[in-house]
C-alpha atoms as a PDB file:
ATOM      1  CA  MET A   1      -0.045  -0.103   0.144  1.00  0.00           C
ATOM      2  CA  THR A   2       0.942   3.302  -0.533  1.00  0.00           C
ATOM      3  CA  LEU A   3       1.331   5.920   2.466  1.00  0.00           C
ATOM      4  CA  ASP A   4      -2.100   7.630   1.460  1.00  0.00           C
ATOM      5  CA  GLU A   5      -3.683   4.262   1.214  1.00  0.00           C
ATOM      6  CA  LEU A   6      -2.596   3.371   4.371  1.00  0.00           C
ATOM      7  CA  ARG A   7      -3.858   6.580   6.066  1.00  0.00           C
ATOM      8  CA  LEU A   8      -7.003   5.688   4.671  1.00  0.00           C
ATOM      9  CA  GLU A   9      -7.382   2.536   6.169  1.00  0.00           C
ATOM     10  CA  ILE A  10      -6.387   4.039   9.473  1.00  0.00           C
ATOM     11  CA  ASP A  11      -9.156   6.716   9.152  1.00  0.00           C
ATOM     12  CA  THR A  12     -11.766   4.040   8.246  1.00  0.00           C
ATOM     13  CA  ILE A  13     -10.758   2.141  11.415  1.00  0.00           C
ATOM     14  CA  ASP A  14     -11.090   5.507  13.643  1.00  0.00           C
ATOM     15  CA  ASP A  15     -14.576   5.954  12.200  1.00  0.00           C
ATOM     16  CA  GLN A  16     -15.373   2.414  13.399  1.00  0.00           C
ATOM     17  CA  LEU A  17     -13.613   2.756  16.721  1.00  0.00           C
ATOM     18  CA  LEU A  18     -15.772   5.900  17.245  1.00  0.00           C
ATOM     19  CA  GLU A  19     -18.951   4.376  16.435  1.00  0.00           C
ATOM     20  CA  LEU A  20     -18.255   1.180  18.922  1.00  0.00           C
ATOM     21  CA  TYR A  21     -17.114   3.599  21.746  1.00  0.00           C
ATOM     22  CA  ASN A  22     -20.333   5.434  21.431  1.00  0.00           C
ATOM     23  CA  LYS A  23     -22.150   2.010  21.492  1.00  0.00           C
ATOM     24  CA  ARG A  24     -20.385   0.916  24.274  1.00  0.00           C
ATOM     25  CA  MET A  25     -21.056   4.273  26.180  1.00  0.00           C
ATOM     26  CA  GLU A  26     -24.968   3.512  25.404  1.00  0.00           C
ATOM     27  CA  TYR A  27     -24.625   0.230  27.215  1.00  0.00           C
ATOM     28  CA  VAL A  28     -22.745   1.703  30.045  1.00  0.00           C
ATOM     29  CA  HIS A  29     -25.561   4.358  30.452  1.00  0.00           C
ATOM     30  CA  GLN A  30     -28.226   1.537  30.740  1.00  0.00           C
ATOM     31  CA  VAL A  31     -25.995  -0.276  33.419  1.00  0.00           C
ATOM     32  CA  GLY A  32     -25.589   3.019  35.122  1.00  0.00           C
ATOM     33  CA  THR A  33     -29.449   3.454  35.205  1.00  0.00           C
ATOM     34  CA  LEU A  34     -29.945   0.109  36.780  1.00  0.00           C
ATOM     35  CA  LYS A  35     -27.251   0.946  39.369  1.00  0.00           C
ATOM     36  CA  ASN A  36     -28.868   4.128  40.142  1.00  0.00           C
ATOM     37  CA  THR A  37     -32.238   2.484  41.206  1.00  0.00           C
ATOM     38  CA  THR A  38     -30.183   0.082  43.573  1.00  0.00           C
ATOM     39  CA  GLY A  39     -27.635   2.422  44.903  1.00  0.00           C
ATOM     40  CA  ALA A  40     -24.608   0.228  43.545  1.00  0.00           C
ATOM     41  CA  PRO A  41     -21.318   2.017  42.862  1.00  0.00           C
ATOM     42  CA  ILE A  42     -20.538   2.925  39.385  1.00  0.00           C
ATOM     43  CA  TYR A  43     -16.642   2.192  40.022  1.00  0.00           C
ATOM     44  CA  ARG A  44     -16.320  -1.883  40.408  1.00  0.00           C
ATOM     45  CA  PRO A  45     -12.643  -2.490  40.348  1.00  0.00           C
ATOM     46  CA  GLU A  46     -12.981  -6.396  40.301  1.00  0.00           C
ATOM     47  CA  ARG A  47     -15.407  -5.853  37.000  1.00  0.00           C
ATOM     48  CA  GLU A  48     -12.743  -3.894  35.492  1.00  0.00           C
ATOM     49  CA  GLN A  49      -9.854  -6.196  36.124  1.00  0.00           C
ATOM     50  CA  SER A  50     -11.850  -9.101  34.791  1.00  0.00           C
ATOM     51  CA  ILE A  51     -12.475  -7.388  31.549  1.00  0.00           C
ATOM     52  CA  LEU A  52      -8.710  -6.671  31.173  1.00  0.00           C
ATOM     53  CA  ASN A  53      -7.777 -10.189  31.990  1.00  0.00           C
ATOM     54  CA  ARG A  54     -10.036 -11.577  29.497  1.00  0.00           C
ATOM     55  CA  LEU A  55      -8.729  -9.166  26.839  1.00  0.00           C
ATOM     56  CA  LYS A  56      -5.202  -9.791  27.778  1.00  0.00           C
ATOM     57  CA  LYS A  57      -5.701 -13.628  27.385  1.00  0.00           C
ATOM     58  CA  GLN A  58      -7.505 -13.462  24.235  1.00  0.00           C
ATOM     59  CA  ASN A  59      -5.056 -10.928  22.594  1.00  0.00           C
ATOM     60  CA  THR A  60      -2.991 -11.980  19.642  1.00  0.00           C
ATOM     61  CA  GLY A  61      -2.055  -8.894  18.043  1.00  0.00           C
ATOM     62  CA  LYS A  62       0.546  -6.197  19.011  1.00  0.00           C
ATOM     63  CA  LEU A  63      -0.518  -4.646  22.093  1.00  0.00           C
ATOM     64  CA  THR A  64       1.362  -5.467  25.102  1.00  0.00           C
ATOM     65  CA  ASP A  65      -0.483  -5.983  28.581  1.00  0.00           C
ATOM     66  CA  GLN A  66       0.551  -2.601  29.710  1.00  0.00           C
ATOM     67  CA  ALA A  67      -0.801  -0.982  26.361  1.00  0.00           C
ATOM     68  CA  ILE A  68      -4.181  -2.878  27.038  1.00  0.00           C
ATOM     69  CA  ASP A  69      -4.254  -1.534  30.548  1.00  0.00           C
ATOM     70  CA  ALA A  70      -3.315   2.259  29.288  1.00  0.00           C
ATOM     71  CA  LEU A  71      -6.328   2.021  26.533  1.00  0.00           C
ATOM     72  CA  PHE A  72      -8.773   0.350  28.445  1.00  0.00           C
ATOM     73  CA  LEU A  73      -8.464   1.929  31.934  1.00  0.00           C
ATOM     74  CA  GLU A  74      -8.642   5.353  30.449  1.00  0.00           C
ATOM     75  CA  MET A  75     -11.885   4.270  28.339  1.00  0.00           C
ATOM     76  CA  PHE A  76     -13.656   2.946  31.813  1.00  0.00           C
ATOM     77  CA  ALA A  77     -12.702   6.437  33.414  1.00  0.00           C
ATOM     78  CA  VAL A  78     -14.401   8.229  30.458  1.00  0.00           C
ATOM     79  CA  ALA A  79     -17.258   5.777  30.967  1.00  0.00           C
ATOM     80  CA  ARG A  80     -17.604   6.703  34.632  1.00  0.00           C
ATOM     81  CA  ASN A  81     -17.318  10.251  34.190  1.00  0.00           C
ATOM     82  CA  LEU A  82     -20.007  10.728  31.473  1.00  0.00           C
ATOM     83  CA  GLU A  83     -22.262   8.710  33.679  1.00  0.00           C
ATOM     84  CA  ARG A  84     -21.817   9.963  37.189  1.00  0.00           C
ATOM     85  CA  PRO A  85     -18.796  12.186  37.856  1.00  0.00           C
ATOM     86  CA  GLU A  86     -17.481  11.490  41.188  1.00  0.00           C
ATOM     87  CA  PRO A  87     -14.727  13.574  42.877  1.00  0.00           C
ATOM     88  CA  ILE A  88     -11.390  11.847  43.899  1.00  0.00           C
ATOM     89  CA  ALA A  89      -9.565  13.131  46.881  1.00  0.00           C
ATOM     90  CA  TYR A  90      -5.758  12.626  47.123  1.00  0.00           C
ATOM     91  CA  LEU A  91      -2.779  13.545  49.101  1.00  0.00           C
ATOM     92  CA  GLY A  92      -1.672  16.530  47.093  1.00  0.00           C
ATOM     93  CA  PRO A  93      -0.704  18.941  45.817  1.00  0.00           C
ATOM     94  CA  GLU A  94      -1.069  18.369  42.052  1.00  0.00           C
ATOM     95  CA  ALA A  95       1.726  16.453  40.243  1.00  0.00           C
ATOM     96  CA  SER A  96       2.609  14.558  43.351  1.00  0.00           C
ATOM     97  CA  PHE A  97       3.198  10.803  43.324  1.00  0.00           C
ATOM     98  CA  THR A  98      -0.358  10.170  44.836  1.00  0.00           C
ATOM     99  CA  HIS A  99      -2.008  12.555  41.835  1.00  0.00           C
ATOM    100  CA  GLN A 100      -0.031  10.213  39.489  1.00  0.00           C
ATOM    101  CA  ALA A 101      -1.303   6.837  41.303  1.00  0.00           C
ATOM    102  CA  ALA A 102      -4.779   8.385  41.377  1.00  0.00           C
ATOM    103  CA  GLU A 103      -4.877   9.278  37.452  1.00  0.00           C
ATOM    104  CA  SER A 104      -3.486   5.686  36.657  1.00  0.00           C
ATOM    105  CA  LYS A 105      -6.783   4.456  37.919  1.00  0.00           C
ATOM    106  CA  PHE A 106      -9.524   7.336  37.416  1.00  0.00           C
ATOM    107  CA  GLY A 107      -7.938   8.866  34.146  1.00  0.00           C
ATOM    108  CA  ALA A 108      -7.240  12.361  33.119  1.00  0.00           C
ATOM    109  CA  MET A 109     -11.070  13.363  32.843  1.00  0.00           C
ATOM    110  CA  SER A 110     -11.758  12.818  36.370  1.00  0.00           C
ATOM    111  CA  ALA A 111     -12.472  15.835  39.145  1.00  0.00           C
ATOM    112  CA  TYR A 112      -9.558  15.588  41.456  1.00  0.00           C
ATOM    113  CA  ILE A 113      -9.337  17.308  44.945  1.00  0.00           C
ATOM    114  CA  PRO A 114      -5.886  17.555  46.324  1.00  0.00           C
ATOM    115  CA  ILE A 115      -5.549  17.560  50.043  1.00  0.00           C
ATOM    116  CA  SER A 116      -2.762  18.592  52.241  1.00  0.00           C
ATOM    117  CA  SER A 117      -2.923  15.554  54.695  1.00  0.00           C
ATOM    118  CA  ILE A 118      -3.733  12.195  54.929  1.00  0.00           C
ATOM    119  CA  LYS A 119      -6.314  12.479  57.898  1.00  0.00           C
ATOM    120  CA  GLY A 120      -8.176  15.089  55.418  1.00  0.00           C
ATOM    121  CA  VAL A 121      -8.556  12.803  52.634  1.00  0.00           C
ATOM    122  CA  PHE A 122     -10.156  10.534  54.990  1.00  0.00           C
ATOM    123  CA  ARG A 123     -12.181  12.991  56.370  1.00  0.00           C
ATOM    124  CA  GLU A 124     -13.523  14.368  52.946  1.00  0.00           C
ATOM    125  CA  VAL A 125     -14.438  10.967  51.760  1.00  0.00           C
ATOM    126  CA  SER A 126     -16.267  10.077  55.069  1.00  0.00           C
ATOM    127  CA  ARG A 127     -18.214  13.586  54.496  1.00  0.00           C
ATOM    128  CA  GLY A 128     -19.161  12.723  51.137  1.00  0.00           C
ATOM    129  CA  THR A 129     -17.264  15.516  49.918  1.00  0.00           C
ATOM    130  CA  ALA A 130     -15.297  12.947  47.449  1.00  0.00           C
ATOM    131  CA  LYS A 131     -16.247   9.371  46.713  1.00  0.00           C
ATOM    132  CA  PHE A 132     -12.843   8.445  46.577  1.00  0.00           C
ATOM    133  CA  GLY A 133      -9.563   8.799  48.324  1.00  0.00           C
ATOM    134  CA  VAL A 134      -6.155   8.051  47.373  1.00  0.00           C
ATOM    135  CA  ILE A 135      -3.384   7.832  49.793  1.00  0.00           C
ATOM    136  CA  PRO A 136      -0.082   6.016  50.443  1.00  0.00           C
ATOM    137  CA  ILE A 137       0.424   3.001  52.494  1.00  0.00           C
ATOM    138  CA  GLU A 138       4.054   1.901  52.051  1.00  0.00           C
ATOM    139  CA  ASN A 139       7.279   2.513  50.299  1.00  0.00           C
ATOM    140  CA  SER A 140       9.831   0.183  49.392  1.00  0.00           C
ATOM    141  CA  SER A 141      12.606   1.864  51.032  1.00  0.00           C
ATOM    142  CA  ASN A 142      10.744   3.823  53.903  1.00  0.00           C
ATOM    143  CA  GLY A 143       8.259   1.302  55.025  1.00  0.00           C
ATOM    144  CA  ILE A 144       4.692   1.881  56.222  1.00  0.00           C
ATOM    145  CA  VAL A 145       3.079   5.268  56.450  1.00  0.00           C
ATOM    146  CA  SER A 146       2.035   5.418  60.034  1.00  0.00           C
ATOM    147  CA  ASP A 147      -0.859   8.113  59.326  1.00  0.00           C
ATOM    148  CA  THR A 148      -2.583   5.801  56.932  1.00  0.00           C
ATOM    149  CA  ILE A 149      -2.500   3.107  59.406  1.00  0.00           C
ATOM    150  CA  SER A 150      -4.009   5.503  62.079  1.00  0.00           C
ATOM    151  CA  CYS A 151      -6.706   6.778  59.655  1.00  0.00           C
ATOM    152  CA  LEU A 152      -7.859   3.279  58.758  1.00  0.00           C
ATOM    153  CA  ASP A 153      -7.923   2.497  62.359  1.00  0.00           C
ATOM    154  CA  GLU A 154     -10.026   5.604  63.107  1.00  0.00           C
ATOM    155  CA  TYR A 155     -12.592   5.765  60.114  1.00  0.00           C
ATOM    156  CA  ASP A 156     -14.946   3.275  58.574  1.00  0.00           C
ATOM    157  CA  LEU A 157     -14.012   3.361  55.184  1.00  0.00           C
ATOM    158  CA  LYS A 158     -13.117   0.486  52.861  1.00  0.00           C
ATOM    159  CA  ILE A 159     -10.082  -0.359  50.817  1.00  0.00           C
ATOM    160  CA  ILE A 160     -11.417  -0.908  47.410  1.00  0.00           C
ATOM    161  CA  ALA A 161      -7.875  -1.047  45.197  1.00  0.00           C
ATOM    162  CA  GLU A 162      -4.186  -0.794  45.388  1.00  0.00           C
ATOM    163  CA  VAL A 163      -1.980   0.761  43.249  1.00  0.00           C
ATOM    164  CA  PHE A 164       1.613   0.375  42.779  1.00  0.00           C
ATOM    165  CA  VAL A 165       3.842   3.263  41.330  1.00  0.00           C
ATOM    166  CA  ASP A 166       7.485   3.301  40.375  1.00  0.00           C
ATOM    167  CA  ILE A 167       9.285   6.307  42.382  1.00  0.00           C
ATOM    168  CA  HIS A 168      11.932   8.039  40.112  1.00  0.00           C
ATOM    169  CA  HIS A 169      13.459  11.192  41.017  1.00  0.00           C
ATOM    170  CA  THR A 170      15.267  14.092  39.092  1.00  0.00           C
ATOM    171  CA  LEU A 171      17.216  16.869  40.146  1.00  0.00           C
ATOM    172  CA  ALA A 172      15.812  20.066  38.730  1.00  0.00           C
ATOM    173  CA  THR A 173      16.934  23.556  38.716  1.00  0.00           C
ATOM    174  CA  ARG A 174      17.468  26.824  36.917  1.00  0.00           C
ATOM    175  CA  CYS A 175      21.266  26.519  37.768  1.00  0.00           C
ATOM    176  CA  ASP A 176      23.328  25.310  34.720  1.00  0.00           C
ATOM    177  CA  ASP A 177      26.034  24.435  36.823  1.00  0.00           C
ATOM    178  CA  ILE A 178      25.632  21.998  39.776  1.00  0.00           C
ATOM    179  CA  LYS A 179      28.246  24.056  41.996  1.00  0.00           C
ATOM    180  CA  ASN A 180      25.738  26.996  41.930  1.00  0.00           C
ATOM    181  CA  ILE A 181      23.216  25.302  43.632  1.00  0.00           C
ATOM    182  CA  LYS A 182      23.133  26.816  47.342  1.00  0.00           C
ATOM    183  CA  LYS A 183      19.848  24.963  48.715  1.00  0.00           C
ATOM    184  CA  ILE A 184      17.648  22.321  47.653  1.00  0.00           C
ATOM    185  CA  TYR A 185      13.908  21.510  48.403  1.00  0.00           C
ATOM    186  CA  SER A 186      12.294  18.362  48.541  1.00  0.00           C
ATOM    187  CA  LYS A 187      10.319  16.110  50.895  1.00  0.00           C
ATOM    188  CA  ASP A 188      12.162  14.336  53.725  1.00  0.00           C
ATOM    189  CA  ILE A 189      11.817  10.845  52.632  1.00  0.00           C
ATOM    190  CA  ALA A 190      13.128  12.003  49.035  1.00  0.00           C
ATOM    191  CA  PHE A 191      16.121  13.195  50.483  1.00  0.00           C
ATOM    192  CA  ASP A 192      16.624   9.588  52.032  1.00  0.00           C
ATOM    193  CA  GLN A 193      16.022   8.246  49.032  1.00  0.00           C
ATOM    194  CA  CYS A 194      18.700   9.979  47.029  1.00  0.00           C
ATOM    195  CA  HIS A 195      21.353  10.165  49.771  1.00  0.00           C
ATOM    196  CA  ASN A 196      23.977   8.472  47.726  1.00  0.00           C
ATOM    197  CA  PHE A 197      23.463  10.773  44.808  1.00  0.00           C
ATOM    198  CA  LEU A 198      23.545  13.994  47.082  1.00  0.00           C
ATOM    199  CA  LYS A 199      27.063  12.772  48.603  1.00  0.00           C
ATOM    200  CA  ASP A 200      28.448  11.675  45.420  1.00  0.00           C
ATOM    201  CA  CYS A 201      27.976  15.223  43.566  1.00  0.00           C
ATOM    202  CA  GLY A 202      28.710  17.131  47.123  1.00  0.00           C
ATOM    203  CA  LEU A 203      25.202  18.219  47.371  1.00  0.00           C
ATOM    204  CA  ASP A 204      24.897  16.928  50.928  1.00  0.00           C
ATOM    205  CA  GLU A 205      27.006  20.119  52.169  1.00  0.00           C
ATOM    206  CA  VAL A 206      24.414  22.459  50.876  1.00  0.00           C
ATOM    207  CA  GLU A 207      21.431  23.265  52.759  1.00  0.00           C
ATOM    208  CA  LEU A 208      18.612  20.722  52.400  1.00  0.00           C
ATOM    209  CA  ILE A 209      15.106  22.195  53.014  1.00  0.00           C
ATOM    210  CA  PRO A 210      12.248  19.566  53.702  1.00  0.00           C
ATOM    211  CA  VAL A 211       8.726  20.742  52.451  1.00  0.00           C
ATOM    212  CA  GLU A 212       5.396  19.000  52.410  1.00  0.00           C
ATOM    213  CA  SER A 213       5.924  17.454  48.860  1.00  0.00           C
ATOM    214  CA  THR A 214       8.086  17.136  45.938  1.00  0.00           C
ATOM    215  CA  ALA A 215       5.697  19.089  43.569  1.00  0.00           C
ATOM    216  CA  LYS A 216       5.869  22.027  46.157  1.00  0.00           C
ATOM    217  CA  ALA A 217       9.637  21.717  46.107  1.00  0.00           C
ATOM    218  CA  ALA A 218       9.675  22.172  42.394  1.00  0.00           C
ATOM    219  CA  ARG A 219       7.357  25.366  42.535  1.00  0.00           C
ATOM    220  CA  MET A 220       9.390  26.820  45.214  1.00  0.00           C
ATOM    221  CA  SER A 221      12.899  26.312  43.285  1.00  0.00           C
ATOM    222  CA  MET A 222      11.238  27.742  40.208  1.00  0.00           C
ATOM    223  CA  LYS A 223      10.901  30.965  41.959  1.00  0.00           C
ATOM    224  CA  GLU A 224      14.360  31.162  43.747  1.00  0.00           C
ATOM    225  CA  ASN A 225      17.741  31.600  42.391  1.00  0.00           C
ATOM    226  CA  ASN A 226      20.520  29.085  43.149  1.00  0.00           C
ATOM    227  CA  SER A 227      17.961  26.472  44.313  1.00  0.00           C
ATOM    228  CA  ALA A 228      17.025  22.896  43.095  1.00  0.00           C
ATOM    229  CA  ALA A 229      14.306  20.422  43.769  1.00  0.00           C
ATOM    230  CA  ILE A 230      14.528  16.799  44.109  1.00  0.00           C
ATOM    231  CA  CYS A 231      11.013  15.892  42.451  1.00  0.00           C
ATOM    232  CA  ALA A 232       9.158  13.907  40.059  1.00  0.00           C
ATOM    233  CA  ASP A 233       9.972  14.737  36.186  1.00  0.00           C
ATOM    234  CA  VAL A 234       6.099  15.425  35.701  1.00  0.00           C
ATOM    235  CA  ALA A 235       6.377  18.382  38.515  1.00  0.00           C
ATOM    236  CA  ALA A 236       9.420  19.757  37.078  1.00  0.00           C
ATOM    237  CA  LYS A 237       7.679  19.830  33.841  1.00  0.00           C
ATOM    238  CA  MET A 238       4.395  21.229  35.147  1.00  0.00           C
ATOM    239  CA  TYR A 239       6.489  24.157  36.664  1.00  0.00           C
ATOM    240  CA  ASN A 240       9.048  24.545  33.933  1.00  0.00           C
ATOM    241  CA  LEU A 241      11.910  23.684  35.955  1.00  0.00           C
ATOM    242  CA  PRO A 242      14.666  22.297  33.935  1.00  0.00           C
ATOM    243  CA  ILE A 243      15.707  18.696  34.752  1.00  0.00           C
ATOM    244  CA  LEU A 244      19.478  18.618  35.193  1.00  0.00           C
ATOM    245  CA  PHE A 245      19.717  14.604  36.487  1.00  0.00           C
ATOM    246  CA  GLU A 246      17.117  11.995  36.157  1.00  0.00           C
ATOM    247  CA  ASN A 247      16.574   8.821  38.047  1.00  0.00           C
ATOM    248  CA  ILE A 248      18.722   9.986  41.102  1.00  0.00           C
ATOM    249  CA  GLU A 249      17.300   7.673  43.542  1.00  0.00           C
ATOM    250  CA  ASP A 250      19.664   5.186  45.516  1.00  0.00           C
ATOM    251  CA  CYS A 251      17.368   2.191  44.462  1.00  0.00           C
ATOM    252  CA  SER A 252      16.310   1.856  40.863  1.00  0.00           C
ATOM    253  CA  ASP A 253      13.137  -0.542  42.134  1.00  0.00           C
ATOM    254  CA  ASN A 254      11.687   2.090  44.696  1.00  0.00           C
ATOM    255  CA  LYS A 255       7.986   1.779  44.943  1.00  0.00           C
ATOM    256  CA  THR A 256       5.149   3.212  46.763  1.00  0.00           C
ATOM    257  CA  ARG A 257       1.976   1.407  47.295  1.00  0.00           C
ATOM    258  CA  PHE A 258      -1.328   3.417  47.361  1.00  0.00           C
ATOM    259  CA  PHE A 259      -4.725   2.394  48.783  1.00  0.00           C
ATOM    260  CA  ILE A 260      -8.045   3.892  47.082  1.00  0.00           C
ATOM    261  CA  VAL A 261     -10.528   4.076  50.063  1.00  0.00           C
ATOM    262  CA  SER A 262     -14.416   4.565  49.437  1.00  0.00           C
ATOM    263  CA  ASN A 263     -17.637   3.476  51.188  1.00  0.00           C
ATOM    264  CA  PHE A 264     -18.572   0.173  49.799  1.00  0.00           C
ATOM    265  CA  ASP A 265     -17.168  -3.567  49.819  1.00  0.00           C
ATOM    266  CA  ASN A 266     -15.852  -5.102  46.138  1.00  0.00           C
ATOM    267  CA  LEU A 267     -17.278  -8.269  45.079  1.00  0.00           C
ATOM    268  CA  PRO A 268     -14.938 -11.395  44.885  1.00  0.00           C
ATOM    269  CA  SER A 269     -12.837 -11.109  41.689  1.00  0.00           C
ATOM    270  CA  GLY A 270     -11.100 -14.637  41.993  1.00  0.00           C
ATOM    271  CA  ASP A 271      -7.705 -13.149  42.716  1.00  0.00           C
ATOM    272  CA  ASP A 272      -8.042 -10.815  45.755  1.00  0.00           C
ATOM    273  CA  LYS A 273      -6.025  -9.568  48.628  1.00  0.00           C
ATOM    274  CA  THR A 274      -7.564  -8.639  51.996  1.00  0.00           C
ATOM    275  CA  SER A 275      -6.310  -6.158  54.365  1.00  0.00           C
ATOM    276  CA  MET A 276      -7.055  -5.805  58.210  1.00  0.00           C
ATOM    277  CA  LEU A 277      -6.051  -4.405  61.551  1.00  0.00           C
ATOM    278  CA  VAL A 278      -5.841  -6.770  64.431  1.00  0.00           C
ATOM    279  CA  ARG A 279      -6.075  -6.182  68.321  1.00  0.00           C
ATOM    280  CA  LEU A 280      -5.008  -9.265  70.212  1.00  0.00           C
ATOM    281  CA  PRO A 281      -5.376 -10.014  73.726  1.00  0.00           C
ATOM    282  CA  ASN A 282      -2.173  -9.183  75.822  1.00  0.00           C
ATOM    283  CA  THR A 283      -1.671 -13.010  76.404  1.00  0.00           C
ATOM    284  CA  PRO A 284       1.111 -15.665  75.837  1.00  0.00           C
ATOM    285  CA  GLY A 285       0.379 -17.353  72.668  1.00  0.00           C
ATOM    286  CA  SER A 286      -2.610 -15.021  71.436  1.00  0.00           C
ATOM    287  CA  LEU A 287      -0.772 -14.213  68.102  1.00  0.00           C
ATOM    288  CA  VAL A 288       0.432 -17.544  67.579  1.00  0.00           C
ATOM    289  CA  GLU A 289      -3.152 -18.922  67.953  1.00  0.00           C
ATOM    290  CA  PHE A 290      -4.323 -16.306  65.518  1.00  0.00           C
ATOM    291  CA  LEU A 291      -1.975 -17.078  62.845  1.00  0.00           C
ATOM    292  CA  ASN A 292      -2.273 -20.840  63.200  1.00  0.00           C
ATOM    293  CA  ASP A 293      -5.793 -20.564  62.175  1.00  0.00           C
ATOM    294  CA  PHE A 294      -4.688 -19.238  58.763  1.00  0.00           C
ATOM    295  CA  GLU A 295      -2.166 -21.884  58.493  1.00  0.00           C
ATOM    296  CA  LYS A 296      -4.946 -24.433  59.367  1.00  0.00           C
ATOM    297  CA  PHE A 297      -7.011 -23.289  56.247  1.00  0.00           C
ATOM    298  CA  LYS A 298      -4.215 -22.744  54.295  1.00  0.00           C
ATOM    299  CA  VAL A 299      -4.743 -18.985  53.817  1.00  0.00           C
ATOM    300  CA  ASN A 300      -1.486 -17.284  52.714  1.00  0.00           C
ATOM    301  CA  LEU A 301      -0.616 -14.656  55.069  1.00  0.00           C
ATOM    302  CA  THR A 302       1.379 -12.023  52.998  1.00  0.00           C
ATOM    303  CA  LYS A 303       2.051  -9.074  55.425  1.00  0.00           C
ATOM    304  CA  ILE A 304       2.413  -8.937  59.489  1.00  0.00           C
ATOM    305  CA  LYS A 305       3.362  -5.500  60.782  1.00  0.00           C
ATOM    306  CA  SER A 306       3.021  -4.136  64.227  1.00  0.00           C
ATOM    307  CA  HIS A 307       1.979  -0.700  64.848  1.00  0.00           C
ATOM    308  CA  ILE A 308       1.378   1.643  67.585  1.00  0.00           C
ATOM    309  CA  VAL A 309      -2.233   3.335  67.509  1.00  0.00           C
ATOM    310  CA  GLY A 310      -3.097   5.565  70.630  1.00  0.00           C
ATOM    311  CA  GLY A 311      -0.495   3.851  72.617  1.00  0.00           C
ATOM    312  CA  ALA A 312      -1.897   0.459  72.249  1.00  0.00           C
ATOM    313  CA  SER A 313      -0.252  -1.914  69.533  1.00  0.00           C
ATOM    314  CA  ILE A 314      -2.110  -3.684  66.796  1.00  0.00           C
ATOM    315  CA  PHE A 315      -1.110  -5.534  64.130  1.00  0.00           C
ATOM    316  CA  PHE A 316      -1.733  -4.615  60.087  1.00  0.00           C
ATOM    317  CA  ILE A 317      -2.172  -7.890  58.364  1.00  0.00           C
ATOM    318  CA  GLU A 318      -2.866  -9.057  54.938  1.00  0.00           C
ATOM    319  CA  PHE A 319      -3.854 -12.191  53.011  1.00  0.00           C
ATOM    320  CA  ASN A 320      -4.519 -13.593  49.654  1.00  0.00           C
ATOM    321  CA  GLY A 321      -8.221 -14.345  49.386  1.00  0.00           C
ATOM    322  CA  HIS A 322     -11.870 -12.569  49.755  1.00  0.00           C
ATOM    323  CA  GLN A 323     -13.362 -11.728  53.035  1.00  0.00           C
ATOM    324  CA  ASP A 324     -16.539 -13.661  51.740  1.00  0.00           C
ATOM    325  CA  GLU A 325     -14.694 -16.711  51.048  1.00  0.00           C
ATOM    326  CA  LYS A 326     -16.453 -19.718  53.101  1.00  0.00           C
ATOM    327  CA  HIS A 327     -13.032 -20.679  54.745  1.00  0.00           C
ATOM    328  CA  ILE A 328     -11.862 -17.136  55.456  1.00  0.00           C
ATOM    329  CA  LYS A 329     -15.051 -16.317  56.624  1.00  0.00           C
ATOM    330  CA  GLU A 330     -14.887 -18.990  59.481  1.00  0.00           C
ATOM    331  CA  ILE A 331     -11.536 -17.603  60.433  1.00  0.00           C
ATOM    332  CA  LEU A 332     -12.856 -13.951  60.757  1.00  0.00           C
ATOM    333  CA  HIS A 333     -15.829 -15.050  62.648  1.00  0.00           C
ATOM    334  CA  LYS A 334     -13.848 -16.771  65.171  1.00  0.00           C
ATOM    335  CA  HIS A 335     -11.815 -13.607  65.690  1.00  0.00           C
ATOM    336  CA  LYS A 336     -14.613 -11.232  65.052  1.00  0.00           C
ATOM    337  CA  GLY A 337     -13.877  -9.339  68.456  1.00  0.00           C
ATOM    338  CA  SER A 338     -10.507  -8.832  67.443  1.00  0.00           C
ATOM    339  CA  ILE A 339     -10.400  -7.789  63.753  1.00  0.00           C
ATOM    340  CA  LYS A 340     -11.386  -4.843  61.733  1.00  0.00           C
ATOM    341  CA  ILE A 341     -11.679  -5.781  57.961  1.00  0.00           C
ATOM    342  CA  LEU A 342     -10.336  -2.946  55.878  1.00  0.00           C
ATOM    343  CA  GLY A 343     -11.325  -4.316  52.732  1.00  0.00           C
ATOM    344  CA  SER A 344     -10.705  -6.864  49.938  1.00  0.00           C
ATOM    345  CA  TYR A 345      -9.946  -5.792  46.462  1.00  0.00           C
ATOM    346  CA  VAL A 346      -8.186  -6.987  43.459  1.00  0.00           C
ATOM    347  CA  LYS A 347      -4.586  -8.107  44.027  1.00  0.00           C
ATOM    348  CA  GLU A 348      -2.065  -5.944  41.834  1.00  0.00           C
ATOM    349  CA  ASN A 349       0.921  -7.501  43.104  1.00  0.00           C
ATOM    350  CA  ASP A 350       2.082  -9.652  46.026  1.00  0.00           C
ATOM    351  CA  ASP A 351       3.828  -7.256  47.702  1.00  0.00           C
ATOM    352  CA  ILE A 352       6.158  -4.031  47.515  1.00  0.00           C
END
């Protein structure tokens, strides 16, 4: 085919795609109308995951699994927003890693509300100002986020999804020469994650100024001479701050895991993870007895972390499976006085 003939074929396919997209949206509208009569949520992570799994299994073309995720997750987001726009609160500001996690699930069209604290995100979702909240739960280098555990204990919201984001930092500055940098802005944990780079470049001797987010660091550095920011590339680009070095983090596989919280429970997907908080009696063997019940029913515990909330020790525990599975319900019922189920949701990864 000639170039013009190939372009004509592409145009024809685009016309067909537009027709099919609109047809799909009509069916989505009918589903939404039915859900409105029952009060069921529009966003069903387990349903979306089952569609993606089916498409990937039958795919024989050039699209990769990641490409299928990108195309269809954005289409799902468009459908939800056409049907019933539902605001998403996230730990801000704009261009933060949490914002990136939110957009990876809810797409570019959604209405986002940046909130300055994790507790604020929980509060606004509980009030109904936002339908969903996106907050960090743990980082591969820095561990569990204590504020998130405390809020999961305090608020009666449910974890409905998890998101993993690769964390890459840049050094962004208006300085042409690294020797002219006198101060660096960033979040405290970002300084920790880039310690080797700062030391190797002699930047551990300049003033390191911690701020609330790496996005704010980029904004502040853009306004101040002889300063720099450690931030995500998306934040640097948003504030037109030139990037001097990329991927400066010490650990190349640095990841942060995020939770999406809302006010409903998911149905089983067939490949779920469940999170819970556990308060056990302060008696010898209580933890062993609790864990043995999971072993008895061959339930794989994937995470056990102790945490202090209000001066009392609790455990943040996760396992593979859904809370509504028969054998799991038996365990949870036996220990119901000690357990707060935080939610069952589609498993994105075994662990961080």
